[in-house]
């Protein structure tokens, strides 16, 4: 009797082990690049991994901390990431092999999933630092973001188009470090892409924050030199004490590597739209998510087949 019981328990344990192994083997691992802590992309990917994982138990989403858009695109091209949050300008430039992608393989493996959000680029300082306009940044210590980030790319473009890039003392640091350095008087200002950004929100809670305004002439110069920027308005509800401000915006996309399984991609996207309110509660940038297929295709890259299937079935496809 005891032998039969032992045999039964052994068989049950073996069956459970086999079933568990089968489930593990059937899981799809997704490495998703965001940014450094304090950046918008970091929190977007973090909340997406948590929320989508609840509905997709067979998909294991891993948040990968990166420098931001530039690094995400480069690592997607190398096959080191499955997904990433990437500026539309970087998708375009990777296909043209220009700018930061001049020495990389062509980005022919990049596939569109959805527009994640539109992100502004702006300079943050504190009351009392004597910085009221962009020209006042000359001879000042200005943090441009972490190396490899889209923020460094955007800030350098903007300052360069205004003839200010050679006039500042550039510093490279993470968003969180930049906020603390500004509060401690170690730098005079820092540049930030996307909003709301945790580093700025936290700084504004205990300091009088200034977002340096752009003049119409400056915005015109930026948009003329870099057509992938457009002028938008950051609302006065973004940061405590900061009024509505016009600034350069760029479109940011959820991008996947071509190797991501079509069905997995389709189900992830369906879950994201079904849970968009929950995603937006985790970070409000997710509230902006939409197909934007026509504009993404205009960059020269195709949509992911799984995403295309979802948009066609839901009547949201446009080209």
Protein backbone atom coordinates (compact mmCIF):
# COMPACT_ATOMS: atom_id res chain seq x y z
CA UNK A 1 0.00 0.00 0.00
CA UNK A 2 2.75 2.40 1.01
CA UNK A 3 4.64 1.53 -2.17
CA UNK A 4 1.58 2.27 -4.33
CA UNK A 5 1.10 5.59 -2.50
CA UNK A 6 4.75 6.46 -3.04
CA UNK A 7 4.46 5.58 -6.72
CA UNK A 8 1.32 7.72 -7.05
CA UNK A 9 3.01 10.68 -5.36
CA UNK A 10 6.06 10.26 -7.56
CA UNK A 11 3.92 10.20 -10.71
CA UNK A 12 1.94 13.25 -9.54
CA UNK A 13 5.15 15.16 -8.81
CA UNK A 14 6.58 14.16 -12.18
CA UNK A 15 3.40 15.27 -13.95
CA UNK A 16 3.47 18.62 -12.18
CA UNK A 17 7.13 19.07 -13.06
CA UNK A 18 6.45 18.27 -16.72
CA UNK A 19 3.49 20.67 -16.84
CA UNK A 20 5.49 23.42 -15.14
CA UNK A 21 8.38 22.87 -17.52
CA UNK A 22 6.03 23.00 -20.51
CA UNK A 23 4.56 26.31 -19.31
CA UNK A 24 8.04 27.73 -18.78
CA UNK A 25 9.11 26.58 -22.22
CA UNK A 26 6.02 28.19 -23.79
CA UNK A 27 6.67 31.57 -22.20
CA UNK A 28 7.81 34.34 -24.53
CA UNK A 29 10.53 36.57 -23.13
CA UNK A 30 10.33 40.23 -24.12
CA UNK A 31 13.22 42.56 -23.28
CA UNK A 32 11.79 46.08 -23.43
CA UNK A 33 14.10 49.12 -23.34
CA UNK A 34 13.00 52.32 -21.61
CA UNK A 35 15.44 54.79 -20.07
CA UNK A 36 17.21 55.64 -16.83
CA UNK A 37 15.16 56.08 -13.63
CA UNK A 38 13.68 59.57 -13.61
CA UNK A 39 12.96 59.49 -17.35
CA UNK A 40 9.48 59.11 -18.86
CA UNK A 41 10.39 55.98 -20.82
CA UNK A 42 11.59 54.18 -17.69
CA UNK A 43 8.24 54.54 -15.96
CA UNK A 44 6.22 53.82 -19.11
CA UNK A 45 7.92 50.47 -19.63
CA UNK A 46 7.71 49.66 -15.93
CA UNK A 47 3.95 50.12 -15.74
CA UNK A 48 3.42 48.35 -19.07
CA UNK A 49 5.34 45.30 -17.88
CA UNK A 50 3.23 45.14 -14.73
CA UNK A 51 -0.17 45.73 -16.32
CA UNK A 52 0.25 43.67 -19.49
CA UNK A 53 1.76 40.82 -17.51
CA UNK A 54 -1.53 40.45 -15.62
CA UNK A 55 -3.40 39.62 -18.85
CA UNK A 56 -0.61 37.74 -20.62
CA UNK A 57 0.78 35.09 -18.26
CA UNK A 58 2.65 33.45 -21.14
CA UNK A 59 4.63 36.64 -21.87
CA UNK A 60 7.53 37.52 -19.60
CA UNK A 61 8.24 41.24 -19.99
CA UNK A 62 11.58 42.43 -18.63
CA UNK A 63 12.16 46.16 -18.21
CA UNK A 64 15.65 47.04 -19.45
CA UNK A 65 17.22 50.22 -18.08
CA UNK A 66 18.96 52.13 -20.89
CA UNK A 67 20.15 55.61 -21.75
CA UNK A 68 16.90 56.22 -23.65
CA UNK A 69 15.82 56.45 -27.28
CA UNK A 70 19.21 56.43 -28.99
CA UNK A 71 20.42 53.40 -27.04
CA UNK A 72 17.06 51.65 -27.48
CA UNK A 73 17.28 52.01 -31.25
CA UNK A 74 20.90 50.88 -31.35
CA UNK A 75 20.21 47.84 -29.18
CA UNK A 76 17.15 46.91 -31.25
CA UNK A 77 19.33 47.07 -34.36
CA UNK A 78 21.87 44.77 -32.68
CA UNK A 79 19.12 42.38 -31.59
CA UNK A 80 19.75 43.02 -27.88
CA UNK A 81 16.19 44.23 -27.27
CA UNK A 82 12.81 42.95 -28.42
CA UNK A 83 11.02 46.27 -27.91
CA UNK A 84 11.88 49.85 -27.09
CA UNK A 85 10.48 53.36 -26.80
CA UNK A 86 12.12 55.24 -29.68
CA UNK A 87 11.87 58.70 -31.22
CA UNK A 88 10.44 58.76 -34.72
CA UNK A 89 13.48 60.79 -35.76
CA UNK A 90 15.72 57.91 -34.65
CA UNK A 91 13.75 55.38 -36.68
CA UNK A 92 14.19 57.62 -39.73
CA UNK A 93 17.88 58.30 -39.11
CA UNK A 94 18.65 54.63 -38.49
CA UNK A 95 17.28 53.82 -41.94
CA UNK A 96 19.29 56.66 -43.47
CA UNK A 97 22.36 55.71 -41.40
CA UNK A 98 22.91 59.33 -40.41
CA UNK A 99 23.54 61.17 -37.14
CA UNK A 100 24.14 58.81 -34.20
CA UNK A 101 23.46 55.82 -36.48
CA UNK A 102 26.07 56.61 -39.14
CA UNK A 103 28.22 53.63 -38.08
CA UNK A 104 25.41 51.18 -37.26
CA UNK A 105 23.72 48.58 -39.40
CA UNK A 106 20.67 49.88 -41.24
CA UNK A 107 17.55 49.79 -39.07
CA UNK A 108 15.60 47.53 -41.41
CA UNK A 109 14.50 45.29 -38.52
CA UNK A 110 12.55 48.05 -36.74
CA UNK A 111 8.77 47.65 -36.74
CA UNK A 112 6.12 50.06 -35.55
CA UNK A 113 3.61 49.16 -32.84
CA UNK A 114 1.96 52.43 -31.74
CA UNK A 115 2.61 56.09 -31.11
CA UNK A 116 3.56 56.21 -27.45
CA UNK A 117 3.38 59.96 -26.95
CA UNK A 118 4.53 63.33 -28.22
CA UNK A 119 7.45 64.62 -26.20
CA UNK A 120 8.73 68.17 -25.71
CA UNK A 121 12.35 69.14 -25.08
CA UNK A 122 13.01 71.93 -22.63
CA UNK A 123 15.54 73.41 -20.21
CA UNK A 124 14.93 73.54 -16.48
CA UNK A 125 16.54 75.93 -14.01
CA UNK A 126 15.72 77.49 -10.65
CA UNK A 127 14.58 80.95 -9.67
CA UNK A 128 17.64 82.97 -8.75
CA UNK A 129 20.01 81.35 -11.26
CA UNK A 130 19.73 84.33 -13.58
CA UNK A 131 18.48 82.28 -16.54
CA UNK A 132 15.41 83.83 -18.16
CA UNK A 133 16.03 82.92 -21.82
CA UNK A 134 17.94 80.30 -23.77
CA UNK A 135 20.73 82.77 -24.54
CA UNK A 136 21.34 83.02 -20.78
CA UNK A 137 22.57 79.39 -20.85
CA UNK A 138 25.87 80.59 -22.34
CA UNK A 139 28.83 79.92 -20.02
CA UNK A 140 26.57 77.90 -17.71
CA UNK A 141 26.85 74.26 -16.58
CA UNK A 142 24.00 72.48 -18.36
CA UNK A 143 23.24 68.76 -17.98
CA UNK A 144 22.19 67.31 -21.34
CA UNK A 145 21.08 63.88 -20.12
CA UNK A 146 22.71 60.44 -19.82
CA UNK A 147 25.06 59.26 -22.58
CA UNK A 148 23.25 57.42 -25.37
CA UNK A 149 19.92 59.04 -24.61
CA UNK A 150 17.45 60.68 -26.93
CA UNK A 151 17.56 63.64 -24.58
CA UNK A 152 21.22 64.31 -25.40
CA UNK A 153 20.31 64.00 -29.09
CA UNK A 154 17.42 66.47 -28.83
CA UNK A 155 19.19 68.95 -26.59
CA UNK A 156 22.28 68.99 -28.78
CA UNK A 157 20.15 69.52 -31.90
CA UNK A 158 18.28 72.40 -30.31
CA UNK A 159 21.30 74.16 -28.85
CA UNK A 160 23.24 73.59 -32.06
CA UNK A 161 20.52 75.13 -34.22
CA UNK A 162 20.60 78.22 -32.00
CA UNK A 163 24.39 78.51 -31.95
CA UNK A 164 24.56 77.73 -28.22
CA UNK A 165 26.02 74.24 -28.12
CA UNK A 166 29.60 75.51 -28.07
CA UNK A 167 28.72 78.20 -25.54
CA UNK A 168 27.65 75.99 -22.61
CA UNK A 169 29.61 73.73 -20.24
CA UNK A 170 27.90 70.40 -21.03
CA UNK A 171 27.45 67.79 -18.31
CA UNK A 172 26.33 64.19 -18.86
CA UNK A 173 24.25 62.67 -16.06
CA UNK A 174 21.05 60.75 -15.42
CA UNK A 175 17.78 62.63 -15.02
CA UNK A 176 17.56 61.97 -11.29
CA UNK A 177 21.17 63.05 -10.73
CA UNK A 178 20.57 66.21 -12.77
CA UNK A 179 17.59 67.18 -10.63
CA UNK A 180 19.61 66.72 -7.44
CA UNK A 181 22.63 68.53 -8.89
CA UNK A 182 20.48 71.52 -9.84
CA UNK A 183 18.92 71.64 -6.38
CA UNK A 184 22.38 71.50 -4.80
CA UNK A 185 23.80 74.24 -7.01
CA UNK A 186 26.25 71.93 -8.80
CA UNK A 187 24.81 72.80 -12.21
CA UNK A 188 22.87 75.79 -13.50
CA UNK A 189 20.27 74.02 -15.64
CA UNK A 190 19.40 70.68 -17.19
CA UNK A 191 17.68 69.58 -20.37
CA UNK A 192 14.76 67.18 -20.33
CA UNK A 193 12.87 65.44 -23.11
CA UNK A 194 9.26 64.35 -22.52
CA UNK A 195 6.84 65.39 -19.81
CA UNK A 196 5.92 64.99 -17.09
CA UNK A 197 9.35 63.79 -15.96
CA UNK A 198 9.78 62.55 -12.40
CA UNK A 199 13.04 64.46 -11.94
CA UNK A 200 11.32 67.78 -12.70
CA UNK A 201 8.14 66.95 -10.77
CA UNK A 202 10.15 66.12 -7.64
CA UNK A 203 12.30 69.23 -8.01
CA UNK A 204 9.22 71.46 -8.35
CA UNK A 205 7.79 70.19 -5.07
CA UNK A 206 10.51 71.89 -3.03
CA UNK A 207 11.97 74.53 -5.37
CA UNK A 208 10.81 77.40 -7.59
CA UNK A 209 11.32 75.77 -10.97
CA UNK A 210 11.61 77.70 -14.22
CA UNK A 211 11.14 76.10 -17.64
CA UNK A 212 13.12 78.40 -19.91
CA UNK A 213 10.83 79.84 -22.64
CA UNK A 214 11.53 79.65 -26.37
CA UNK A 215 10.95 82.67 -28.58
CA UNK A 216 8.99 82.29 -31.83
CA UNK A 217 12.19 83.01 -33.73
CA UNK A 218 14.06 80.23 -31.90
CA UNK A 219 11.27 77.74 -32.53
CA UNK A 220 11.31 78.66 -36.21
CA UNK A 221 15.06 78.06 -36.47
CA UNK A 222 14.78 74.67 -34.76
CA UNK A 223 11.90 73.45 -36.91
CA UNK A 224 13.57 74.67 -40.11
CA UNK A 225 16.86 72.91 -39.43
CA UNK A 226 15.25 69.71 -38.07
CA UNK A 227 11.87 69.07 -39.72
CA UNK A 228 11.10 66.14 -37.40
CA UNK A 229 10.35 68.69 -34.65
CA UNK A 230 7.10 70.62 -34.48
CA UNK A 231 5.93 73.33 -32.10
CA UNK A 232 3.55 72.28 -29.35
CA UNK A 233 2.41 73.62 -26.01
CA UNK A 234 3.25 72.01 -22.68
CA UNK A 235 0.16 72.69 -20.54
CA UNK A 236 0.28 74.59 -17.24
CA UNK A 237 -0.85 71.46 -15.41
CA UNK A 238 2.42 69.65 -16.13
CA UNK A 239 4.59 71.04 -13.34
CA UNK A 240 3.84 73.00 -10.19
CA UNK A 241 4.21 76.72 -10.78
CA UNK A 242 5.18 76.41 -14.46
CA UNK A 243 2.91 78.21 -16.99
CA UNK A 244 1.91 76.83 -20.39
CA UNK A 245 4.99 77.00 -22.62
CA UNK A 246 5.55 76.56 -26.36
CA UNK A 247 8.46 74.28 -27.20
CA UNK A 248 9.79 71.78 -29.76
CA UNK A 249 7.98 68.44 -29.77
CA UNK A 250 8.94 65.13 -31.35
CA UNK A 251 6.83 62.00 -31.79
CA UNK A 252 7.84 58.93 -29.80
CA UNK A 253 6.91 55.38 -30.77
CA UNK A 254 6.59 51.94 -29.25
CA UNK A 255 8.86 49.94 -31.58
CA UNK A 256 9.48 46.20 -31.86
CA UNK A 257 12.14 44.03 -33.47
CA UNK A 258 10.88 42.13 -36.50
CA UNK A 259 11.53 38.79 -34.72
CA UNK A 260 8.76 39.32 -32.15
CA UNK A 261 6.06 36.69 -32.75
CA UNK A 262 3.05 38.10 -34.63
CA UNK A 263 0.45 36.61 -32.29
CA UNK A 264 2.32 37.76 -29.18
CA UNK A 265 2.58 41.27 -30.62
CA UNK A 266 -1.10 41.36 -31.51
CA UNK A 267 -2.16 40.21 -28.04
CA UNK A 268 0.19 42.63 -26.28
CA UNK A 269 -1.20 45.52 -28.30
CA UNK A 270 -4.82 44.45 -27.71
CA UNK A 271 -4.12 44.24 -23.98
CA UNK A 272 -2.46 47.67 -24.01
CA UNK A 273 -5.49 49.35 -25.58
CA UNK A 274 -7.88 47.42 -23.32
CA UNK A 275 -5.93 48.60 -20.29
CA UNK A 276 -4.97 52.07 -21.53
CA UNK A 277 -6.64 53.73 -18.55
CA UNK A 278 -4.60 51.59 -16.15
CA UNK A 279 -1.43 52.32 -18.10
CA UNK A 280 -2.19 56.05 -18.02
CA UNK A 281 -2.80 55.85 -14.27
CA UNK A 282 0.74 54.48 -13.97
CA UNK A 283 2.17 57.21 -16.20
CA UNK A 284 0.00 59.77 -17.95
CA UNK A 285 2.05 59.63 -21.19
CA UNK A 286 0.28 56.33 -21.98
CA UNK A 287 -2.97 58.30 -22.36
CA UNK A 288 -1.58 59.56 -25.68
CA UNK A 289 -1.08 56.10 -27.21
CA UNK A 290 -2.73 55.75 -30.63
CA UNK A 291 -2.06 53.90 -33.93
CA UNK A 292 -0.54 56.81 -35.95
CA UNK A 293 0.24 54.23 -38.64
CA UNK A 294 0.36 56.66 -41.55
CA UNK A 295 3.00 58.87 -39.91
CA UNK A 296 5.10 55.90 -38.82
CA UNK A 297 5.07 54.43 -42.32
CA UNK A 298 6.18 57.85 -43.55
CA UNK A 299 9.43 57.36 -41.66
CA UNK A 300 10.25 54.52 -44.06
CA UNK A 301 9.73 51.57 -41.70
CA UNK A 302 6.82 49.09 -41.76
CA UNK A 303 4.42 48.36 -38.94
CA UNK A 304 4.84 45.03 -37.15
CA UNK A 305 2.56 42.41 -38.80
CA UNK A 306 0.92 41.67 -35.44
CA UNK A 307 0.18 45.36 -34.93
CA UNK A 308 -1.08 45.72 -38.50
CA UNK A 309 -3.44 42.77 -38.02
CA UNK A 310 -4.84 44.32 -34.84
CA UNK A 311 -5.38 47.73 -36.42
CA UNK A 312 -7.00 46.28 -39.53
CA UNK A 313 -9.36 44.11 -37.49
CA UNK A 314 -10.36 47.08 -35.32
CA UNK A 315 -10.76 49.48 -38.27
CA UNK A 316 -7.87 51.72 -37.20
CA UNK A 317 -5.47 51.10 -40.08
CA UNK A 318 -4.43 54.06 -42.21
CA UNK A 319 -1.62 54.51 -44.74
